[in-house]
């Protein structure tokens, strides 16, 4: 089989996308990119992810853990156990 894993997604049926981080980083990074707040930056990153899936012509159920980017390693152990 040739191609990347992403090329195989349509054959999987219903996809589930687990969005682990909020993608926002910290305030200085958000402000440097022109966002007024981390929440605005996180919302934009979520829209980008959903748009990429839609652009690929895929349907997916989205699940968000909402962990702040750059803090993921501090939370995954707890999230996996629960």
PDB file of N, CA and C in Angstrom:
ATOM      1  N   UNK A   1       0.849  -1.172   0.000  1.00  0.00           N
ATOM      2  CA  UNK A   1       0.000   0.000   0.000  1.00  0.00           C
ATOM      3  C   UNK A   1       0.890   1.229   0.000  1.00  0.00           C
ATOM      4  N   UNK A   2       0.555   2.187  -0.814  1.00  0.00           N
ATOM      5  CA  UNK A   2       1.325   3.422  -0.871  1.00  0.00           C
ATOM      6  C   UNK A   2       0.519   4.559  -0.272  1.00  0.00           C
ATOM      7  N   UNK A   3       1.176   5.651   0.031  1.00  0.00           N
ATOM      8  CA  UNK A   3       0.497   6.829   0.571  1.00  0.00           C
ATOM      9  C   UNK A   3       0.670   6.928   2.073  1.00  0.00           C
ATOM     10  N   UNK A   4       0.266   8.050   2.595  1.00  0.00           N
ATOM     11  CA  UNK A   4       0.397   8.274   4.037  1.00  0.00           C
ATOM     12  C   UNK A   4      -0.832   7.758   4.772  1.00  0.00           C
ATOM     13  N   UNK A   5      -0.736   7.733   6.076  1.00  0.00           N
ATOM     14  CA  UNK A   5      -1.863   7.286   6.896  1.00  0.00           C
ATOM     15  C   UNK A   5      -3.088   8.158   6.649  1.00  0.00           C
ATOM     16  N   UNK A   6      -2.874   9.462   6.488  1.00  0.00           N
ATOM     17  CA  UNK A   6      -3.987  10.372   6.250  1.00  0.00           C
ATOM     18  C   UNK A   6      -4.780  10.008   5.012  1.00  0.00           C
ATOM     19  N   UNK A   7      -4.118   9.473   4.012  1.00  0.00           N
ATOM     20  CA  UNK A   7      -4.814   9.068   2.793  1.00  0.00           C
ATOM     21  C   UNK A   7      -5.735   7.889   3.042  1.00  0.00           C
ATOM     22  N   UNK A   8      -5.523   7.187   4.119  1.00  0.00           N
ATOM     23  CA  UNK A   8      -6.342   6.020   4.446  1.00  0.00           C
ATOM     24  C   UNK A   8      -7.566   6.368   5.296  1.00  0.00           C
ATOM     25  N   UNK A   9      -7.611   7.560   5.849  1.00  0.00           N
ATOM     26  CA  UNK A   9      -8.702   7.942   6.744  1.00  0.00           C
ATOM     27  C   UNK A   9     -10.092   7.705   6.167  1.00  0.00           C
ATOM     28  N   UNK A  10     -10.352   8.036   4.897  1.00  0.00           N
ATOM     29  CA  UNK A  10     -11.707   7.835   4.387  1.00  0.00           C
ATOM     30  C   UNK A  10     -12.187   6.376   4.466  1.00  0.00           C
ATOM     31  N   UNK A  11     -11.269   5.440   4.461  1.00  0.00           N
ATOM     32  CA  UNK A  11     -11.678   4.027   4.516  1.00  0.00           C
ATOM     33  C   UNK A  11     -11.986   3.569   5.934  1.00  0.00           C
ATOM     34  N   UNK A  12     -11.744   4.401   6.925  1.00  0.00           N
ATOM     35  CA  UNK A  12     -11.950   4.007   8.314  1.00  0.00           C
ATOM     36  C   UNK A  12     -13.398   4.139   8.774  1.00  0.00           C
ATOM     37  N   UNK A  13     -14.242   4.772   8.003  1.00  0.00           N
ATOM     38  CA  UNK A  13     -15.606   5.034   8.460  1.00  0.00           C
ATOM     39  C   UNK A  13     -15.610   6.272   9.340  1.00  0.00           C
ATOM     40  N   UNK A  14     -16.289   6.221  10.470  1.00  0.00           N
ATOM     41  CA  UNK A  14     -16.364   7.357  11.390  1.00  0.00           C
ATOM     42  C   UNK A  14     -15.032   7.544  12.106  1.00  0.00           C
ATOM     43  N   UNK A  15     -14.474   8.717  11.980  1.00  0.00           N
ATOM     44  CA  UNK A  15     -13.229   9.040  12.659  1.00  0.00           C
ATOM     45  C   UNK A  15     -13.517   9.745  13.975  1.00  0.00           C
ATOM     46  N   UNK A  16     -12.621   9.545  14.922  1.00  0.00           N
ATOM     47  CA  UNK A  16     -12.630  10.299  16.164  1.00  0.00           C
ATOM     48  C   UNK A  16     -11.306  11.030  16.243  1.00  0.00           C
ATOM     49  N   UNK A  17     -11.366  12.335  16.444  1.00  0.00           N
ATOM     50  CA  UNK A  17     -10.167  13.150  16.560  1.00  0.00           C
ATOM     51  C   UNK A  17     -10.049  13.582  18.017  1.00  0.00           C
ATOM     52  N   UNK A  18      -8.951  13.210  18.640  1.00  0.00           N
ATOM     53  CA  UNK A  18      -8.691  13.611  20.012  1.00  0.00           C
ATOM     54  C   UNK A  18      -7.734  14.791  19.981  1.00  0.00           C
ATOM     55  N   UNK A  19      -8.244  15.947  20.329  1.00  0.00           N
ATOM     56  CA  UNK A  19      -7.463  17.184  20.346  1.00  0.00           C
ATOM     57  C   UNK A  19      -6.966  17.351  21.776  1.00  0.00           C
ATOM     58  N   UNK A  20      -5.711  17.003  21.999  1.00  0.00           N
ATOM     59  CA  UNK A  20      -5.177  16.962  23.353  1.00  0.00           C
ATOM     60  C   UNK A  20      -4.968  18.351  23.930  1.00  0.00           C
ATOM     61  N   UNK A  21      -4.318  19.234  23.191  1.00  0.00           N
ATOM     62  CA  UNK A  21      -4.044  20.571  23.726  1.00  0.00           C
ATOM     63  C   UNK A  21      -4.999  21.597  23.141  1.00  0.00           C
ATOM     64  N   UNK A  22      -5.006  22.751  23.758  1.00  0.00           N
ATOM     65  CA  UNK A  22      -5.831  23.831  23.205  1.00  0.00           C
ATOM     66  C   UNK A  22      -5.092  24.571  22.098  1.00  0.00           C
ATOM     67  N   UNK A  23      -3.803  24.268  21.913  1.00  0.00           N
ATOM     68  CA  UNK A  23      -3.020  24.868  20.831  1.00  0.00           C
ATOM     69  C   UNK A  23      -2.625  26.313  21.049  1.00  0.00           C
ATOM     70  N   UNK A  24      -2.888  26.864  22.227  1.00  0.00           N
ATOM     71  CA  UNK A  24      -2.710  28.296  22.411  1.00  0.00           C
ATOM     72  C   UNK A  24      -1.373  28.725  23.000  1.00  0.00           C
ATOM     73  N   UNK A  25      -0.661  27.868  23.640  1.00  0.00           N
ATOM     74  CA  UNK A  25       0.612  28.287  24.224  1.00  0.00           C
ATOM     75  C   UNK A  25       0.415  29.244  25.380  1.00  0.00           C
ATOM     76  N   UNK A  26       1.157  30.330  25.370  1.00  0.00           N
ATOM     77  CA  UNK A  26       1.095  31.304  26.457  1.00  0.00           C
ATOM     78  C   UNK A  26       0.767  32.690  25.912  1.00  0.00           C
ATOM     79  N   UNK A  27       0.376  33.592  26.801  1.00  0.00           N
ATOM     80  CA  UNK A  27      -0.051  34.932  26.403  1.00  0.00           C
ATOM     81  C   UNK A  27       0.919  35.667  25.478  1.00  0.00           C
ATOM     82  N   UNK A  28       2.210  35.690  25.761  1.00  0.00           N
ATOM     83  CA  UNK A  28       3.100  36.437  24.851  1.00  0.00           C
ATOM     84  C   UNK A  28       3.048  35.912  23.414  1.00  0.00           C
ATOM     85  N   UNK A  29       2.968  34.606  23.243  1.00  0.00           N
ATOM     86  CA  UNK A  29       2.887  34.035  21.889  1.00  0.00           C
ATOM     87  C   UNK A  29       1.569  34.404  21.233  1.00  0.00           C
ATOM     88  N   UNK A  30       0.477  34.341  21.985  1.00  0.00           N
ATOM     89  CA  UNK A  30      -0.839  34.688  21.446  1.00  0.00           C
ATOM     90  C   UNK A  30      -0.874  36.157  21.036  1.00  0.00           C
ATOM     91  N   UNK A  31      -0.382  37.010  21.884  1.00  0.00           N
ATOM     92  CA  UNK A  31      -0.382  38.446  21.589  1.00  0.00           C
ATOM     93  C   UNK A  31       0.538  38.764  20.408  1.00  0.00           C
ATOM     94  N   UNK A  32       1.666  38.081  20.319  1.00  0.00           N
ATOM     95  CA  UNK A  32       2.591  38.307  19.205  1.00  0.00           C
ATOM     96  C   UNK A  32       1.951  37.943  17.871  1.00  0.00           C
ATOM     97  N   UNK A  33       0.977  37.037  17.910  1.00  0.00           N
ATOM     98  CA  UNK A  33       0.282  36.637  16.688  1.00  0.00           C
ATOM     99  C   UNK A  33      -0.989  37.433  16.465  1.00  0.00           C
ATOM    100  N   UNK A  34      -1.218  38.446  17.303  1.00  0.00           N
ATOM    101  CA  UNK A  34      -2.340  39.355  17.105  1.00  0.00           C
ATOM    102  C   UNK A  34      -3.626  38.956  17.797  1.00  0.00           C
ATOM    103  N   UNK A  35      -3.575  37.994  18.713  1.00  0.00           N
ATOM    104  CA  UNK A  35      -4.791  37.571  19.421  1.00  0.00           C
ATOM    105  C   UNK A  35      -4.915  38.331  20.729  1.00  0.00           C
ATOM    106  N   UNK A  36      -6.123  38.746  21.083  1.00  0.00           N
ATOM    107  CA  UNK A  36      -6.305  39.505  22.309  1.00  0.00           C
ATOM    108  C   UNK A  36      -6.207  38.663  23.581  1.00  0.00           C
ATOM    109  N   UNK A  37      -6.361  37.339  23.446  1.00  0.00           N
ATOM    110  CA  UNK A  37      -6.342  36.470  24.620  1.00  0.00           C
ATOM    111  C   UNK A  37      -5.979  35.042  24.220  1.00  0.00           C
ATOM    112  N   UNK A  38      -5.629  34.249  25.215  1.00  0.00           N
ATOM    113  CA  UNK A  38      -5.372  32.830  24.967  1.00  0.00           C
ATOM    114  C   UNK A  38      -6.621  32.125  24.469  1.00  0.00           C
ATOM    115  N   UNK A  39      -7.771  32.518  24.998  1.00  0.00           N
ATOM    116  CA  UNK A  39      -9.025  31.888  24.585  1.00  0.00           C
ATOM    117  C   UNK A  39      -9.291  32.121  23.101  1.00  0.00           C
ATOM    118  N   UNK A  40      -9.033  33.322  22.632  1.00  0.00           N
ATOM    119  CA  UNK A  40      -9.237  33.630  21.214  1.00  0.00           C
ATOM    120  C   UNK A  40      -8.275  32.830  20.344  1.00  0.00           C
ATOM    121  N   UNK A  41      -7.043  32.707  20.803  1.00  0.00           N
ATOM    122  CA  UNK A  41      -6.054  31.941  20.062  1.00  0.00           C
ATOM    123  C   UNK A  41      -6.442  30.466  20.038  1.00  0.00           C
ATOM    124  N   UNK A  42      -6.855  29.920  21.179  1.00  0.00           N
ATOM    125  CA  UNK A  42      -7.265  28.515  21.254  1.00  0.00           C
ATOM    126  C   UNK A  42      -8.468  28.252  20.349  1.00  0.00           C
ATOM    127  N   UNK A  43      -9.431  29.160  20.331  1.00  0.00           N
ATOM    128  CA  UNK A  43     -10.616  28.982  19.484  1.00  0.00           C
ATOM    129  C   UNK A  43     -10.221  28.958  18.005  1.00  0.00           C
ATOM    130  N   UNK A  44      -9.281  29.827  17.633  1.00  0.00           N
ATOM    131  CA  UNK A  44      -8.819  29.844  16.247  1.00  0.00           C
ATOM    132  C   UNK A  44      -8.109  28.550  15.903  1.00  0.00           C
ATOM    133  N   UNK A  45      -7.268  28.046  16.783  1.00  0.00           N
ATOM    134  CA  UNK A  45      -6.560  26.794  16.525  1.00  0.00           C
ATOM    135  C   UNK A  45      -7.542  25.628  16.388  1.00  0.00           C
ATOM    136  N   UNK A  46      -8.619  25.623  17.183  1.00  0.00           N
ATOM    137  CA  UNK A  46      -9.638  24.578  17.072  1.00  0.00           C
ATOM    138  C   UNK A  46     -10.342  24.671  15.728  1.00  0.00           C
ATOM    139  N   UNK A  47     -10.698  25.885  15.309  1.00  0.00           N
ATOM    140  CA  UNK A  47     -11.329  26.062  13.996  1.00  0.00           C
ATOM    141  C   UNK A  47     -10.410  25.591  12.871  1.00  0.00           C
ATOM    142  N   UNK A  48      -9.113  25.872  12.988  1.00  0.00           N
ATOM    143  CA  UNK A  48      -8.158  25.429  11.971  1.00  0.00           C
ATOM    144  C   UNK A  48      -8.125  23.905  11.866  1.00  0.00           C
ATOM    145  N   UNK A  49      -8.120  23.221  13.002  1.00  0.00           N
ATOM    146  CA  UNK A  49      -8.093  21.769  13.000  1.00  0.00           C
ATOM    147  C   UNK A  49      -9.361  21.195  12.370  1.00  0.00           C
ATOM    148  N   UNK A  50     -10.500  21.730  12.759  1.00  0.00           N
ATOM    149  CA  UNK A  50     -11.767  21.260  12.195  1.00  0.00           C
ATOM    150  C   UNK A  50     -11.854  21.551  10.701  1.00  0.00           C
ATOM    151  N   UNK A  51     -11.341  22.698  10.297  1.00  0.00           N
ATOM    152  CA  UNK A  51     -11.337  23.064   8.885  1.00  0.00           C
ATOM    153  C   UNK A  51     -10.454  22.120   8.077  1.00  0.00           C
ATOM    154  N   UNK A  52      -9.315  21.751   8.619  1.00  0.00           N
ATOM    155  CA  UNK A  52      -8.417  20.829   7.916  1.00  0.00           C
ATOM    156  C   UNK A  52      -9.092  19.479   7.692  1.00  0.00           C
ATOM    157  N   UNK A  53      -9.805  18.996   8.688  1.00  0.00           N
ATOM    158  CA  UNK A  53     -10.514  17.719   8.558  1.00  0.00           C
ATOM    159  C   UNK A  53     -11.621  17.850   7.511  1.00  0.00           C
ATOM    160  N   UNK A  54     -12.369  18.943   7.551  1.00  0.00           N
ATOM    161  CA  UNK A  54     -13.453  19.166   6.585  1.00  0.00           C
ATOM    162  C   UNK A  54     -12.903  19.331   5.169  1.00  0.00           C
ATOM    163  N   UNK A  55     -11.795  20.056   5.031  1.00  0.00           N
ATOM    164  CA  UNK A  55     -11.182  20.259   3.717  1.00  0.00           C
ATOM    165  C   UNK A  55     -10.761  18.934   3.104  1.00  0.00           C
ATOM    166  N   UNK A  56     -10.368  18.000   3.954  1.00  0.00           N
ATOM    167  CA  UNK A  56      -9.978  16.670   3.476  1.00  0.00           C
ATOM    168  C   UNK A  56     -11.204  15.835   3.104  1.00  0.00           C
ATOM    169  N   UNK A  57     -12.397  16.394   3.324  1.00  0.00           N
ATOM    170  CA  UNK A  57     -13.624  15.682   2.984  1.00  0.00           C
ATOM    171  C   UNK A  57     -13.984  14.594   3.971  1.00  0.00           C
ATOM    172  N   UNK A  58     -13.524  14.751   5.202  1.00  0.00           N
ATOM    173  CA  UNK A  58     -13.755  13.735   6.220  1.00  0.00           C
ATOM    174  C   UNK A  58     -14.793  14.202   7.230  1.00  0.00           C
ATOM    175  N   UNK A  59     -15.483  13.252   7.793  1.00  0.00           N
ATOM    176  CA  UNK A  59     -16.378  13.533   8.911  1.00  0.00           C
ATOM    177  C   UNK A  59     -15.740  12.925  10.145  1.00  0.00           C
ATOM    178  N   UNK A  60     -15.786  13.657  11.236  1.00  0.00           N
ATOM    179  CA  UNK A  60     -15.154  13.167  12.451  1.00  0.00           C
ATOM    180  C   UNK A  60     -15.906  13.646  13.675  1.00  0.00           C
ATOM    181  N   UNK A  61     -15.835  12.830  14.715  1.00  0.00           N
ATOM    182  CA  UNK A  61     -16.297  13.237  16.036  1.00  0.00           C
ATOM    183  C   UNK A  61     -15.080  13.835  16.728  1.00  0.00           C
ATOM    184  N   UNK A  62     -15.219  15.040  17.264  1.00  0.00           N
ATOM    185  CA  UNK A  62     -14.106  15.723  17.900  1.00  0.00           C
ATOM    186  C   UNK A  62     -14.228  15.621  19.412  1.00  0.00           C
ATOM    187  N   UNK A  63     -13.119  15.320  20.032  1.00  0.00           N
ATOM    188  CA  UNK A  63     -13.047  15.230  21.493  1.00  0.00           C
ATOM    189  C   UNK A  63     -11.878  16.088  21.936  1.00  0.00           C
ATOM    190  N   UNK A  64     -12.101  16.985  22.856  1.00  0.00           N
ATOM    191  CA  UNK A  64     -11.041  17.891  23.307  1.00  0.00           C
ATOM    192  C   UNK A  64     -10.757  17.680  24.787  1.00  0.00           C
ATOM    193  N   UNK A  65      -9.487  17.478  25.104  1.00  0.00           N
ATOM    194  CA  UNK A  65      -9.092  17.394  26.506  1.00  0.00           C
ATOM    195  C   UNK A  65      -8.890  18.784  27.097  1.00  0.00           C
ATOM    196  N   UNK A  66      -8.609  19.765  26.238  1.00  0.00           N
ATOM    197  CA  UNK A  66      -8.481  21.145  26.686  1.00  0.00           C
ATOM    198  C   UNK A  66      -7.265  21.438  27.530  1.00  0.00           C
ATOM    199  N   UNK A  67      -6.233  20.619  27.405  1.00  0.00           N
ATOM    200  CA  UNK A  67      -5.011  20.876  28.156  1.00  0.00           C
ATOM    201  C   UNK A  67      -4.272  22.023  27.481  1.00  0.00           C
ATOM    202  N   UNK A  68      -3.814  22.939  28.279  1.00  0.00           N
ATOM    203  CA  UNK A  68      -3.085  24.079  27.724  1.00  0.00           C
ATOM    204  C   UNK A  68      -1.784  23.597  27.092  1.00  0.00           C
ATOM    205  N   UNK A  69      -1.541  24.087  25.887  1.00  0.00           N
ATOM    206  CA  UNK A  69      -0.316  23.695  25.189  1.00  0.00           C
ATOM    207  C   UNK A  69       0.895  24.004  26.052  1.00  0.00           C
ATOM    208  N   UNK A  70       1.898  23.220  25.934  1.00  0.00           N
ATOM    209  CA  UNK A  70       3.149  23.289  26.679  1.00  0.00           C
ATOM    210  C   UNK A  70       3.000  22.774  28.110  1.00  0.00           C
ATOM    211  N   UNK A  71       1.795  22.369  28.510  1.00  0.00           N
ATOM    212  CA  UNK A  71       1.587  21.768  29.827  1.00  0.00           C
ATOM    213  C   UNK A  71       1.133  20.316  29.704  1.00  0.00           C
ATOM    214  N   UNK A  72       1.107  19.812  28.502  1.00  0.00           N
ATOM    215  CA  UNK A  72       0.566  18.485  28.232  1.00  0.00           C
ATOM    216  C   UNK A  72       1.229  17.408  29.072  1.00  0.00           C
ATOM    217  N   UNK A  73       2.547  17.412  29.144  1.00  0.00           N
ATOM    218  CA  UNK A  73       3.252  16.344  29.850  1.00  0.00           C
ATOM    219  C   UNK A  73       2.906  16.295  31.334  1.00  0.00           C
ATOM    220  N   UNK A  74       2.428  17.399  31.878  1.00  0.00           N
ATOM    221  CA  UNK A  74       2.065  17.425  33.287  1.00  0.00           C
ATOM    222  C   UNK A  74       0.675  16.845  33.559  1.00  0.00           C
ATOM    223  N   UNK A  75      -0.134  16.636  32.513  1.00  0.00           N
ATOM    224  CA  UNK A  75      -1.519  16.225  32.694  1.00  0.00           C
ATOM    225  C   UNK A  75      -1.873  14.861  32.100  1.00  0.00           C
ATOM    226  N   UNK A  76      -1.087  14.365  31.178  1.00  0.00           N
ATOM    227  CA  UNK A  76      -1.482  13.152  30.473  1.00  0.00           C
ATOM    228  C   UNK A  76      -1.594  11.928  31.373  1.00  0.00           C
ATOM    229  N   UNK A  77      -0.696  11.776  32.334  1.00  0.00           N
ATOM    230  CA  UNK A  77      -0.773  10.625  33.233  1.00  0.00           C
ATOM    231  C   UNK A  77      -2.118  10.569  33.939  1.00  0.00           C
ATOM    232  N   UNK A  78      -2.546  11.692  34.462  1.00  0.00           N
ATOM    233  CA  UNK A  78      -3.842  11.779  35.150  1.00  0.00           C
ATOM    234  C   UNK A  78      -4.991  11.495  34.191  1.00  0.00           C
ATOM    235  N   UNK A  79      -4.928  12.065  32.996  1.00  0.00           N
ATOM    236  CA  UNK A  79      -6.009  11.892  32.012  1.00  0.00           C
ATOM    237  C   UNK A  79      -6.105  10.450  31.545  1.00  0.00           C
ATOM    238  N   UNK A  80      -4.973   9.791  31.377  1.00  0.00           N
ATOM    239  CA  UNK A  80      -4.983   8.404  30.910  1.00  0.00           C
ATOM    240  C   UNK A  80      -5.583   7.480  31.967  1.00  0.00           C
ATOM    241  N   UNK A  81      -5.281   7.755  33.223  1.00  0.00           N
ATOM    242  CA  UNK A  81      -5.812   6.904  34.293  1.00  0.00           C
ATOM    243  C   UNK A  81      -7.309   7.085  34.496  1.00  0.00           C
ATOM    244  N   UNK A  82      -7.842   8.241  34.136  1.00  0.00           N
ATOM    245  CA  UNK A  82      -9.266   8.519  34.373  1.00  0.00           C
ATOM    246  C   UNK A  82     -10.026   8.242  33.170  1.00  0.00           C
TER     247      UNK A  82
END
